[in-house]
Protein backbone atom coordinates (compact mmCIF):
# COMPACT_ATOMS: atom_id res chain seq x y z
CA MET A 1 52.83 102.50 146.26
CA GLU A 2 52.20 100.33 143.03
CA PHE A 3 54.92 101.56 140.35
CA HIS A 4 53.80 102.00 136.55
CA VAL A 5 55.83 102.95 133.83
CA HIS A 6 53.58 105.56 131.65
CA VAL A 7 53.63 104.30 128.47
CA PRO A 8 53.03 107.52 126.53
CA THR A 9 55.99 109.45 128.75
CA MET A 10 58.46 107.09 127.19
CA LEU A 11 57.06 107.01 123.71
CA VAL A 12 57.76 111.07 123.72
CA LEU A 13 61.06 110.44 125.77
CA SER A 14 61.94 107.99 122.45
CA ILE A 15 60.77 111.00 120.26
CA VAL A 16 63.09 113.03 121.56
CA MET A 17 65.93 110.94 121.50
CA SER A 18 65.38 110.05 118.05
CA LEU A 19 64.94 113.63 117.09
CA THR A 20 68.29 114.69 119.37
CA PHE A 21 70.28 112.06 117.14
CA ALA A 22 68.73 113.05 114.31
CA GLY A 23 69.56 116.73 114.05
CA SER A 24 73.22 116.00 116.40
CA ILE A 25 73.88 113.54 113.32
CA GLY A 26 73.05 115.61 110.18
CA TRP A 27 74.52 118.33 111.69
CA VAL A 28 78.10 116.57 111.73
CA ALA A 29 77.31 114.86 108.34
CA ARG A 30 79.13 115.64 105.26
CA PRO A 31 77.46 115.11 101.99
CA GLY A 32 79.07 113.15 99.14
CA VAL A 33 81.04 111.32 101.89
CA ARG A 34 79.84 107.74 102.22
CA ASP A 35 80.57 106.94 106.06
CA GLY A 36 77.05 106.45 107.45
CA LEU A 37 76.01 109.65 108.85
CA LEU A 38 73.79 110.73 106.78
CA PRO A 39 71.31 107.77 106.23
CA LEU A 40 71.84 106.92 110.07
CA SER A 41 70.49 110.82 110.76
CA LEU A 42 67.57 109.94 107.99
CA GLY A 43 66.89 106.51 110.47
CA PHE A 44 66.17 108.58 113.56
CA ALA A 45 64.26 111.11 111.73
CA CYS A 46 62.04 108.56 110.42
CA HIS A 47 61.78 106.79 113.69
CA ALA A 48 60.83 109.92 115.72
CA VAL A 49 58.09 110.80 112.89
CA GLY A 50 56.82 107.29 112.80
CA TYR A 51 56.58 107.24 116.74
CA VAL A 52 54.94 110.54 116.43
CA LEU A 53 52.16 108.89 113.95
CA LEU A 54 51.98 105.91 116.53
CA GLY A 55 50.86 107.93 119.14
CA LEU A 56 47.97 110.23 117.75
CA ARG A 57 46.74 106.70 116.89
CA GLY A 58 42.69 107.07 116.94
CA MET A 59 43.14 111.26 116.45
CA ILE A 60 44.41 110.64 112.94
CA PRO A 61 43.57 108.18 110.16
CA ASP A 62 44.70 104.70 110.20
CA LEU A 63 46.75 105.21 107.11
CA PHE A 64 48.61 107.66 108.75
CA SER A 65 48.85 106.11 112.03
CA VAL A 66 49.07 102.41 111.21
CA LEU A 67 50.47 101.93 108.15
CA LEU A 68 52.52 105.23 107.18
CA ALA A 69 53.90 105.12 110.93
CA ASN A 70 55.24 101.23 110.92
CA MET A 71 56.62 102.14 106.95
CA LEU A 72 58.51 105.06 108.81
CA VAL A 73 59.82 102.70 111.62
CA THR A 74 60.73 100.00 109.49
CA GLY A 75 62.31 101.87 107.26
CA ALA A 76 64.05 103.52 110.21
CA CYS A 77 65.39 100.35 110.64
CA SER A 78 66.68 100.08 106.99
CA LEU A 79 68.38 103.34 107.09
CA LEU A 80 69.98 101.78 109.80
CA LEU A 81 71.52 98.77 107.64
CA LEU A 82 72.32 101.48 104.82
CA ALA A 83 74.45 102.80 107.01
CA VAL A 84 76.51 100.51 108.50
CA ALA A 85 76.39 99.28 104.77
CA GLN A 86 78.21 103.03 103.72
CA PHE A 87 80.44 102.29 106.55
CA LEU A 88 81.89 98.86 105.42
CA GLN A 89 82.25 100.77 102.08
CA GLU A 90 79.91 97.79 100.87
CA ARG A 91 77.05 97.71 98.42
CA LEU A 92 73.22 97.61 99.72
CA ALA A 93 70.89 95.41 97.80
CA SER A 94 68.15 98.24 97.33
CA ALA A 95 65.42 95.72 97.81
CA TRP A 96 66.94 95.80 101.52
CA LEU A 97 66.40 99.26 101.81
CA TRP A 98 62.49 99.42 100.11
CA GLY A 99 61.25 95.69 100.60
CA PRO A 100 61.15 95.54 104.29
CA ALA A 101 58.73 99.17 104.49
CA LEU A 102 56.60 98.23 101.35
CA ALA A 103 56.45 94.28 103.15
CA VAL A 104 54.97 95.83 106.19
CA VAL A 105 52.58 98.34 104.31
CA LEU A 106 51.12 95.29 102.44
CA LEU A 107 51.02 92.52 105.16
CA LEU A 108 49.46 95.28 107.84
CA SER A 109 46.59 96.54 105.49
CA ALA A 110 45.14 93.53 105.64
CA TYR A 111 44.80 93.54 109.34
CA LEU A 112 43.49 96.82 110.11
CA ASP A 113 41.33 95.94 112.87
CA ASP A 114 44.00 93.31 114.27
CA ILE A 115 46.48 95.17 116.41
CA ASN A 116 48.10 91.61 117.91
CA THR A 117 48.24 90.33 114.36
CA ARG A 118 50.15 93.45 113.25
CA VAL A 119 52.30 93.53 116.01
CA ILE A 120 53.66 89.55 114.66
CA LEU A 121 53.94 90.50 111.19
CA GLY A 122 55.45 94.19 111.69
CA GLY A 123 57.96 92.59 114.63
CA SER A 124 58.81 89.50 112.11
CA VAL A 125 59.92 92.00 109.41
CA LEU A 126 62.01 93.66 111.75
CA VAL A 127 63.86 90.38 112.58
CA VAL A 128 64.57 90.16 109.61
CA VAL A 129 66.14 93.58 109.13
CA PHE A 130 67.90 93.29 112.49
CA ALA A 131 69.40 89.33 111.34
CA ALA A 132 70.70 91.03 108.15
CA LEU A 133 72.86 93.61 110.27
CA LEU A 134 73.41 91.76 112.59
CA TRP A 135 75.13 89.37 109.96
CA ARG A 136 76.87 92.26 108.41
CA LEU A 137 78.65 93.23 111.49
CA ALA A 138 79.82 90.29 112.54
CA ARG A 139 81.12 89.12 109.36
CA ALA A 140 83.05 92.92 109.14
CA HIS A 141 83.82 92.59 113.38
CA ARG A 142 87.46 92.70 112.41
CA ARG A 143 87.84 95.25 109.91
CA ILE A 144 86.07 97.60 112.13
CA SER A 145 88.63 99.42 114.52
CA GLY A 146 87.95 100.53 118.28
CA ARG A 147 85.22 99.99 120.61
CA GLY A 148 81.90 101.43 119.14
CA ARG A 149 81.71 98.32 117.40
CA TYR A 150 80.39 96.81 120.76
CA LEU A 151 77.93 99.04 121.72
CA LEU A 152 76.23 99.40 118.11
CA LEU A 153 76.68 95.24 118.22
CA THR A 154 74.91 94.97 121.80
CA GLY A 155 72.19 97.53 120.68
CA VAL A 156 71.69 95.29 117.72
CA LEU A 157 71.51 92.47 119.74
CA ILE A 158 69.37 94.09 122.57
CA THR A 159 66.57 95.01 119.69
CA LEU A 160 66.93 91.65 118.13
CA VAL A 161 66.00 89.55 121.36
CA LEU A 162 63.27 91.84 121.71
CA LEU A 163 61.79 91.59 118.74
CA ILE A 164 61.95 87.82 118.84
CA ALA A 165 60.58 87.52 121.85
CA ARG A 166 58.07 89.70 121.40
CA VAL A 167 56.76 88.09 118.11
CA VAL A 168 56.59 84.64 119.96
CA LEU A 169 54.96 86.13 123.06
CA PHE A 170 51.96 87.20 120.72
CA ALA A 171 51.87 84.40 118.64
CA THR A 172 51.55 82.04 121.04
CA GLY A 173 48.95 84.25 122.83
CA ALA A 174 50.71 85.39 125.59
CA ALA A 175 50.64 88.82 125.25
CA VAL A 176 47.93 90.52 124.28
CA LEU A 177 46.82 94.35 123.18
CA GLU A 178 44.28 96.61 122.83
CA GLN A 179 45.63 99.84 121.79
CA VAL A 180 49.28 100.93 120.96
CA LEU A 181 49.95 102.95 124.08
CA ASP A 182 48.19 100.78 126.68
CA TYR A 183 49.51 99.84 129.88
CA ALA A 184 51.12 96.29 129.03
CA PRO A 185 54.32 94.47 130.01
CA SER A 186 54.76 93.79 126.33
CA GLN A 187 54.37 97.96 125.71
CA VAL A 188 56.78 98.61 128.63
CA MET A 189 59.38 96.69 127.41
CA LEU A 190 58.89 97.84 123.98
CA TYR A 191 59.88 101.61 124.66
CA VAL A 192 62.29 101.03 127.14
CA THR A 193 64.47 98.67 124.85
CA ALA A 194 63.86 100.84 122.22
CA PHE A 195 64.94 104.11 124.82
CA VAL A 196 68.30 101.93 125.85
CA SER A 197 68.84 100.68 122.09
CA GLN A 198 68.68 104.09 120.81
CA ILE A 199 71.46 105.25 123.05
CA LEU A 200 73.73 101.76 122.04
CA LEU A 201 72.73 101.87 118.49
CA GLY A 202 73.39 106.00 117.87
CA THR A 203 76.53 106.16 120.04
CA GLY A 204 77.91 103.44 119.06
CA PHE A 205 77.66 104.70 115.71
CA LEU A 206 79.15 107.86 116.07
CA LEU A 207 81.79 106.47 117.94
CA MET A 208 82.94 103.40 115.66
CA ALA A 209 83.11 106.51 112.91
CA LYS A 210 85.04 109.20 114.89
CA GLU A 211 87.73 105.79 115.70
CA SER A 212 87.43 104.87 111.91
CA ALA A 213 88.48 108.30 111.07
CA GLU A 214 91.12 108.75 113.15
CA ALA A 215 92.54 105.31 112.19
CA GLN A 216 92.54 106.50 108.83
CA ALA A 217 94.20 109.40 109.67
CA ARG A 218 96.97 107.53 111.43
CA HIS A 219 97.44 105.66 108.44
CA GLN A 220 97.67 108.70 106.48
CA ALA A 221 100.37 109.51 108.66
CA MET A 222 102.30 106.82 107.81
CA LEU A 223 102.48 107.13 104.27
CA ASP A 224 104.73 108.44 101.76
CA SER A 225 102.33 111.05 100.23
CA LEU A 226 103.67 111.16 96.95
CA THR A 227 104.27 107.65 96.01
CA GLY A 228 101.77 105.80 98.47
CA CYS A 229 104.27 103.53 100.26
CA TRP A 230 105.47 103.33 103.90
CA ASN A 231 107.42 106.15 105.41
CA ARG A 232 110.11 106.08 106.89
CA ALA A 233 108.65 106.59 110.33
CA ARG A 234 106.20 103.55 109.73
CA ILE A 235 109.16 101.50 107.98
CA GLU A 236 110.89 101.95 111.40
CA ALA A 237 108.24 101.29 113.60
CA LEU A 238 108.11 97.77 111.32
CA VAL A 239 111.72 97.08 111.75
CA LYS A 240 111.86 96.95 115.30
CA TYR A 241 108.61 94.54 115.19
CA GLU A 242 110.02 92.59 112.76
CA MET A 243 113.45 91.99 114.89
CA ALA A 244 111.56 91.15 118.01
CA ARG A 245 109.79 88.36 116.24
CA LEU A 246 113.10 86.92 115.04
CA LYS A 247 114.86 87.55 118.18
CA ARG A 248 111.72 85.75 119.54
CA TYR A 249 110.80 82.89 117.28
CA GLY A 250 114.16 83.01 114.84
CA THR A 251 111.92 83.90 111.91
CA PRO A 252 114.65 85.01 108.80
CA LEU A 253 114.49 88.51 108.01
CA SER A 254 115.96 90.43 104.88
CA LEU A 255 116.31 93.76 103.55
CA LEU A 256 116.98 95.34 100.41
CA LEU A 257 118.19 98.98 100.43
CA LEU A 258 117.17 100.12 96.98
CA ASP A 259 118.54 103.53 95.19
CA MET A 260 117.20 104.62 91.38
CA ASP A 261 120.13 105.26 89.14
CA HIS A 262 120.60 108.57 87.84
CA PHE A 263 117.31 110.01 89.04
CA LYS A 264 118.52 113.25 89.41
CA LEU A 265 119.42 113.27 85.91
CA ILE A 266 115.60 112.64 85.04
CA ASN A 267 114.51 115.67 87.02
CA ASP A 268 117.50 117.91 86.04
CA GLN A 269 116.40 117.02 82.12
CA HIS A 270 112.54 116.43 82.23
CA GLY A 271 111.49 118.52 85.51
CA HIS A 272 110.13 117.55 88.87
CA LEU A 273 106.94 116.74 87.80
CA LEU A 274 107.95 113.93 85.24
CA GLY A 275 110.42 112.92 88.39
CA ASP A 276 107.47 112.20 90.29
CA SER A 277 105.56 109.99 87.81
CA VAL A 278 108.67 108.25 87.71
CA LEU A 279 109.19 107.45 91.17
CA LYS A 280 105.30 106.19 91.34
CA ALA A 281 105.51 104.50 88.00
CA PHE A 282 108.80 102.46 90.48
CA VAL A 283 106.67 101.88 93.04
CA ALA A 284 103.95 100.41 91.56
CA ARG A 285 106.70 97.97 89.60
CA VAL A 286 108.28 97.24 92.79
CA GLN A 287 104.90 96.17 94.69
CA GLY A 288 103.93 94.44 91.78
CA VAL A 289 106.79 91.65 92.25
CA ILE A 290 106.94 91.63 96.15
CA ARG A 291 104.89 89.53 98.21
CA GLU A 292 101.60 90.64 100.02
CA THR A 293 103.58 89.89 103.25
CA ASP A 294 106.83 91.93 102.41
CA LEU A 295 107.12 95.81 103.16
CA LEU A 296 108.08 98.82 100.23
CA GLY A 297 108.75 102.16 102.17
CA ARG A 298 110.65 105.11 100.69
CA TRP A 299 113.52 105.86 103.01
CA GLY A 300 114.24 109.68 101.49
CA GLY A 301 114.44 111.39 98.14
CA GLU A 302 114.64 108.53 95.42
CA GLU A 303 115.68 105.83 97.87
CA PHE A 304 113.54 103.17 99.24
CA VAL A 305 113.68 100.15 101.48
CA VAL A 306 112.11 96.62 101.12
CA LEU A 307 111.55 94.55 104.29
CA LEU A 308 111.20 90.76 103.56
CA PRO A 309 109.97 89.03 106.42
CA SER A 310 110.12 84.91 106.91
CA SER A 311 113.43 85.51 103.97
CA GLY A 312 116.43 84.24 104.66
CA PHE A 313 119.34 84.77 102.07
CA VAL A 314 118.56 82.76 99.49
CA ALA A 315 114.61 84.42 99.11
CA MET A 316 116.51 87.74 99.48
CA THR A 317 118.77 87.68 96.74
CA GLN A 318 116.27 85.91 94.54
CA MET A 319 113.52 88.77 94.91
CA ALA A 320 116.59 91.68 94.87
CA GLU A 321 117.09 90.18 90.97
CA ARG A 322 113.46 90.12 90.32
CA ILE A 323 113.27 93.82 91.20
CA ARG A 324 116.04 94.58 89.39
CA ALA A 325 115.15 92.99 86.39
CA GLN A 326 111.26 94.56 86.43
CA VAL A 327 112.35 97.98 87.35
CA GLU A 328 114.61 97.60 84.26
CA ALA A 329 111.68 96.70 81.93
CA LEU A 330 110.53 100.52 82.63
CA PRO A 331 109.95 102.89 79.94
CA MET A 332 112.80 105.37 78.95
CA VAL A 333 112.50 108.49 80.00
CA GLY A 334 113.81 110.39 77.46
CA ASP A 335 117.36 109.06 76.49
CA VAL A 336 117.33 108.10 80.52
CA ARG A 337 116.79 104.39 81.40
CA VAL A 338 115.05 103.79 84.74
CA THR A 339 117.23 101.37 86.34
CA VAL A 340 117.85 100.42 90.33
CA SER A 341 120.88 99.37 92.34
CA LEU A 342 119.81 96.81 95.07
CA GLY A 343 122.22 96.37 98.60
CA CYS A 344 120.81 93.18 100.42
CA ALA A 345 121.23 92.35 104.06
CA SER A 346 120.09 89.40 106.26
CA CYS A 347 119.10 90.63 109.65
CA GLN A 348 120.95 87.87 112.43
CA SER A 349 120.06 87.93 116.43
CA THR A 350 122.89 89.70 117.68
CA ASP A 351 121.84 93.31 115.03
CA SER A 352 120.71 96.44 115.93
CA TRP A 353 118.74 98.18 113.12
CA GLU A 354 121.93 100.47 112.56
CA THR A 355 123.85 97.46 111.96
CA TRP A 356 121.86 95.81 109.76
CA LEU A 357 121.38 98.70 107.77
CA GLY A 358 124.77 99.63 107.64
CA ARG A 359 125.76 96.73 105.43
CA ALA A 360 122.67 96.94 103.49
CA ASP A 361 124.16 100.47 102.70
CA VAL A 362 127.85 99.22 102.48
CA ALA A 363 126.38 96.62 99.69
CA LEU A 364 123.97 99.35 97.84
CA TYR A 365 127.75 101.49 97.80
CA ARG A 366 129.66 98.65 95.99
CA ALA A 367 126.80 98.20 93.75
CA LYS A 368 126.88 101.79 92.55
CA ALA A 369 130.44 101.54 92.28
CA ALA A 370 130.03 98.59 90.24
CA GLY A 371 128.56 100.11 87.18
CA ARG A 372 124.52 100.18 89.24
CA ASN A 373 121.33 98.29 87.90
CA ARG A 374 122.84 95.70 89.83
CA ALA A 375 122.10 93.64 93.13
CA GLU A 376 124.81 93.66 95.79
CA CYS A 377 124.72 91.23 99.15
CA GLU A 378 126.80 92.03 102.29
CA MET A 379 130.13 90.61 102.18
CA PRO A 380 130.15 87.60 104.02
CA LEU A 381 134.05 88.54 105.53
CA THR A 382 135.13 91.05 107.32
CA ARG A 383 138.20 91.03 105.28
CA PRO A 384 137.77 89.34 101.76
CA GLY A 385 140.39 89.82 99.44
CA PRO A 386 140.47 92.42 96.43
CA GLY A 387 137.72 91.68 93.52
CA LEU A 388 136.56 88.74 95.70
CA SER A 389 133.01 88.06 94.82
CA VAL A 390 130.83 86.56 97.63
CA ALA A 391 131.19 83.17 96.43
CA GLU A 392 134.49 83.51 96.48
CA SER A 393 134.97 85.22 99.74
CA LEU A 394 133.04 82.13 101.42
CA GLY A 395 135.87 79.97 100.22
CA GLU A 396 138.03 81.97 102.49
CA LEU A 397 137.33 80.04 105.49
CA VAL A 398 140.37 79.62 106.57
CA TRP A 399 142.57 80.48 110.21
CA ARG A 400 144.69 83.24 110.16
CA ASP A 401 146.81 84.01 113.15
CA GLU A 402 145.53 87.59 113.18
CA TYR A 403 142.43 86.10 114.70
CA LEU A 404 144.16 84.83 117.64
CA SER A 405 142.35 85.94 121.07
CA GLY A 406 145.58 85.76 123.42
CA ASN A 407 143.97 82.02 125.34
CA PRO A 408 145.34 79.28 123.95
CA GLU A 409 142.03 77.27 124.64
CA ILE A 410 140.01 79.30 122.89
CA ASP A 411 141.85 79.68 119.73
CA ASP A 412 142.01 75.53 119.68
CA GLU A 413 138.25 75.53 119.28
CA HIS A 414 137.84 78.85 117.58
CA ARG A 415 140.27 76.22 114.74
CA THR A 416 137.96 74.12 115.34
CA LEU A 417 134.64 76.02 114.12
CA PHE A 418 136.63 77.43 111.09
CA VAL A 419 137.52 73.53 110.18
CA SER A 420 133.83 72.70 110.76
CA ALA A 421 131.98 75.89 108.74
CA ARG A 422 134.38 74.83 105.84
CA ARG A 423 133.30 71.36 105.66
CA LEU A 424 130.11 72.38 105.41
CA PHE A 425 131.04 74.66 102.82
CA ASP A 426 132.37 72.08 100.92
CA LEU A 427 129.60 69.67 101.75
CA GLN A 428 127.28 71.81 99.61
CA GLN A 429 126.56 69.31 97.17
CA GLU A 430 126.17 66.12 98.95
CA GLU A 431 122.67 64.25 100.01
CA GLU A 432 120.29 66.77 102.70
CA GLY A 433 121.01 64.03 105.30
CA SER A 434 124.51 64.68 104.96
CA LEU A 435 124.65 68.01 105.41
CA THR A 436 121.95 68.02 108.28
CA ALA A 437 124.07 65.61 109.75
CA ALA A 438 127.01 67.96 109.44
CA ALA A 439 125.09 71.02 110.60
CA ARG A 440 123.85 69.23 114.00
CA VAL A 441 127.72 68.35 114.54
CA PHE A 442 128.64 72.12 114.04
CA VAL A 443 125.95 73.24 116.42
CA ALA A 444 127.37 70.90 118.88
CA GLU A 445 130.91 72.16 119.03
CA LEU A 446 129.55 75.50 119.04
CA GLU A 447 127.66 75.19 122.07
CA ALA A 448 130.88 73.43 123.62
CA HIS A 449 133.08 76.75 122.63
CA MET A 450 130.45 78.93 124.20
CA ALA A 451 131.02 77.05 127.48
CA THR A 452 134.41 77.24 127.48
CA GLU A 453 134.70 80.62 126.27
CA GLU A 454 132.49 81.59 128.77
CA ARG A 455 134.14 80.33 131.25
CA VAL A 456 137.83 81.79 130.67
CA LEU A 457 136.27 84.98 130.05
CA ALA A 458 134.89 84.61 134.09
CA ASN A 459 138.30 83.93 135.12
CA ALA A 460 140.09 86.47 133.42
CA GLY A 461 137.84 89.17 134.79
CA TYR A 462 136.15 90.44 131.62
CA PRO A 463 133.76 92.94 132.61
CA GLU A 464 131.08 92.59 129.36
CA CYS A 465 131.31 88.34 129.91
CA ALA A 466 127.65 89.11 130.96
CA ALA A 467 127.10 90.56 128.07
CA HIS A 468 128.83 88.19 125.89
CA THR A 469 126.72 85.10 127.72
CA ALA A 470 123.66 86.77 126.45
CA LEU A 471 125.27 86.93 122.89
CA HIS A 472 125.72 83.49 123.12
CA ARG A 473 122.63 82.09 124.08
CA GLN A 474 121.02 84.42 121.18
CA LEU A 475 123.15 82.61 118.74
CA ALA A 476 122.26 78.80 120.24
CA GLU A 477 118.50 79.24 120.27
CA ARG A 478 118.84 80.85 116.70
CA ALA A 479 120.95 78.00 115.80
CA HIS A 480 118.34 74.77 117.27
CA ARG A 481 115.65 76.98 115.64
CA LEU A 482 117.03 77.37 112.15
CA LEU A 483 117.90 73.40 112.52
CA GLU A 484 114.17 72.75 113.11
CA ALA A 485 113.29 74.75 110.07
CA GLN A 486 115.54 72.92 107.52
CA ALA A 487 114.42 69.66 109.19
CA ARG A 488 111.40 70.36 108.34
CA GLY A 489 111.94 71.87 104.98
CA GLN A 490 110.98 75.13 105.68
CA LEU A 491 114.78 76.89 105.17
CA THR A 492 117.32 75.56 102.66
CA PHE A 493 120.39 74.25 103.39
CA ASP A 494 121.79 77.71 101.50
CA GLU A 495 120.35 79.89 104.15
CA LEU A 496 121.48 77.26 107.17
CA LEU A 497 125.08 77.98 105.54
CA HIS A 498 124.72 82.02 105.62
CA PHE A 499 123.74 81.60 109.24
CA VAL A 500 126.82 79.20 109.92
CA VAL A 501 129.54 81.53 107.82
CA TYR A 502 128.40 84.90 108.52
CA GLU A 503 126.40 84.97 111.76
CA VAL A 504 128.65 82.72 113.44
CA THR A 505 132.41 82.72 111.93
CA VAL A 506 131.50 86.23 111.04
CA GLN A 507 129.65 88.51 112.75
CA HIS A 508 130.23 86.45 116.27
CA LEU A 509 133.84 85.37 115.69
CA PHE A 510 135.52 87.80 114.12
CA ILE A 511 133.42 90.86 115.80
CA GLU A 512 132.03 90.07 118.94
CA ASP A 513 134.30 87.62 120.17
CA ALA A 514 137.65 90.26 119.29
CA LYS A 515 136.44 92.29 121.66
CA PHE A 516 137.84 90.48 124.43
CA HIS A 517 141.28 89.99 122.75
CA ALA A 518 143.05 92.62 124.67
CA HIS A 519 141.74 92.02 127.63
CA LEU A 520 143.24 88.46 127.13
CA GLY A 521 146.27 89.62 125.87
CA GLY A 522 145.57 88.59 122.19
CA ALA A 523 146.28 90.67 118.90
């Protein structure tokens, strides 16, 4: 039995499909919302009416069954282009909306008795429209989330390929047609492909709109509703990501903890509405200072955090001072000047979020205690003398008996590391080559010490030996990454010095190594 596709039936199915999409999409489309659903619904409606008029060829005047029908089908494609433009929040020139339909009417009116020429001319106009649609989607591909875009792109590609093939076949004479509803391979190909592409275009756009709405809802859930910056939950998620990057690639990472000074006084004297306005102005001012890659979030009340990816100790302190100065320049609220206190801390490879935030919090407390409207950095020593500044504390790199571990071999190497760290500190004014060479010597001594310490701890049966060895590996990897970055000019020597003094000498030798002193019989 020979199988034939009944072209009129395919036409009817396509009409029903278009009307179904037009009705369902129009039902959920919201007037005044530029999400593309309304023009998409109108496009399917125009497509359905156009196909109805095409099916009535010979029963109604050609003005309707040829010119108006083709104008509506072409207009439907232009409306699809408008729908995509609206979804992408882009402007579509009015020429794209009305031009193709008018062009089809003008071109086809001269060939009312030549259906094959009309196929070529009308198809060529549609090729231009779908090529523009494909270009717009491909250009914005990365801005569209979800999988609906792939269905839509597939539908556009299928239609474009079909149109090009149809124009070529008719232009070369490989395909001819006498009536629009004749059984011919070109017509079967047209209606089958149209039916499939309708499904892909309609469901693809709807899925794309749904996924976009969900993405927007997720984004809104991550924002502070008053100030528009990130909220606490989002900051905590970003912190995990950035800390993982630091531990994997050695990328510097710093934190600023901001607390607006005397904000309660502003609320008490001028009311919460004005207080909210001050918070918004504060956030706008800070966002105007930080880089696009920096992340500002509201931590609670009048307290905010700024994450500074790819920023070491020096860049962190410079950014803190710029923020402080810009906030101080805000207009006074009555007799209250708007200022901010900042606590600054660089993330170390051995940090948890709690320890890192805790150091910034301590620094913020010192800034408040010192009179507010100032930035304070984490103290590089755990036991600085009273009243010592950060620079003075760095100068306190001297060995003391309280650092003894109880093992002479480890203590001798600790003394050597202290001497090397102090030598690096004293070489700050030397040439770059001398500084780099001294830093490499320090790292070599550090790795040799780690091997000794691991051997001693293993022989002593220290229960946390494996965890301590893992910390050594992290520290060594970070040291080499920082040396490489400093050699490439991507890291200042001050930031390398901060790693040596703080992360190695303080964080590891003072804190981590102190955990096994009791096991070895030390202090």
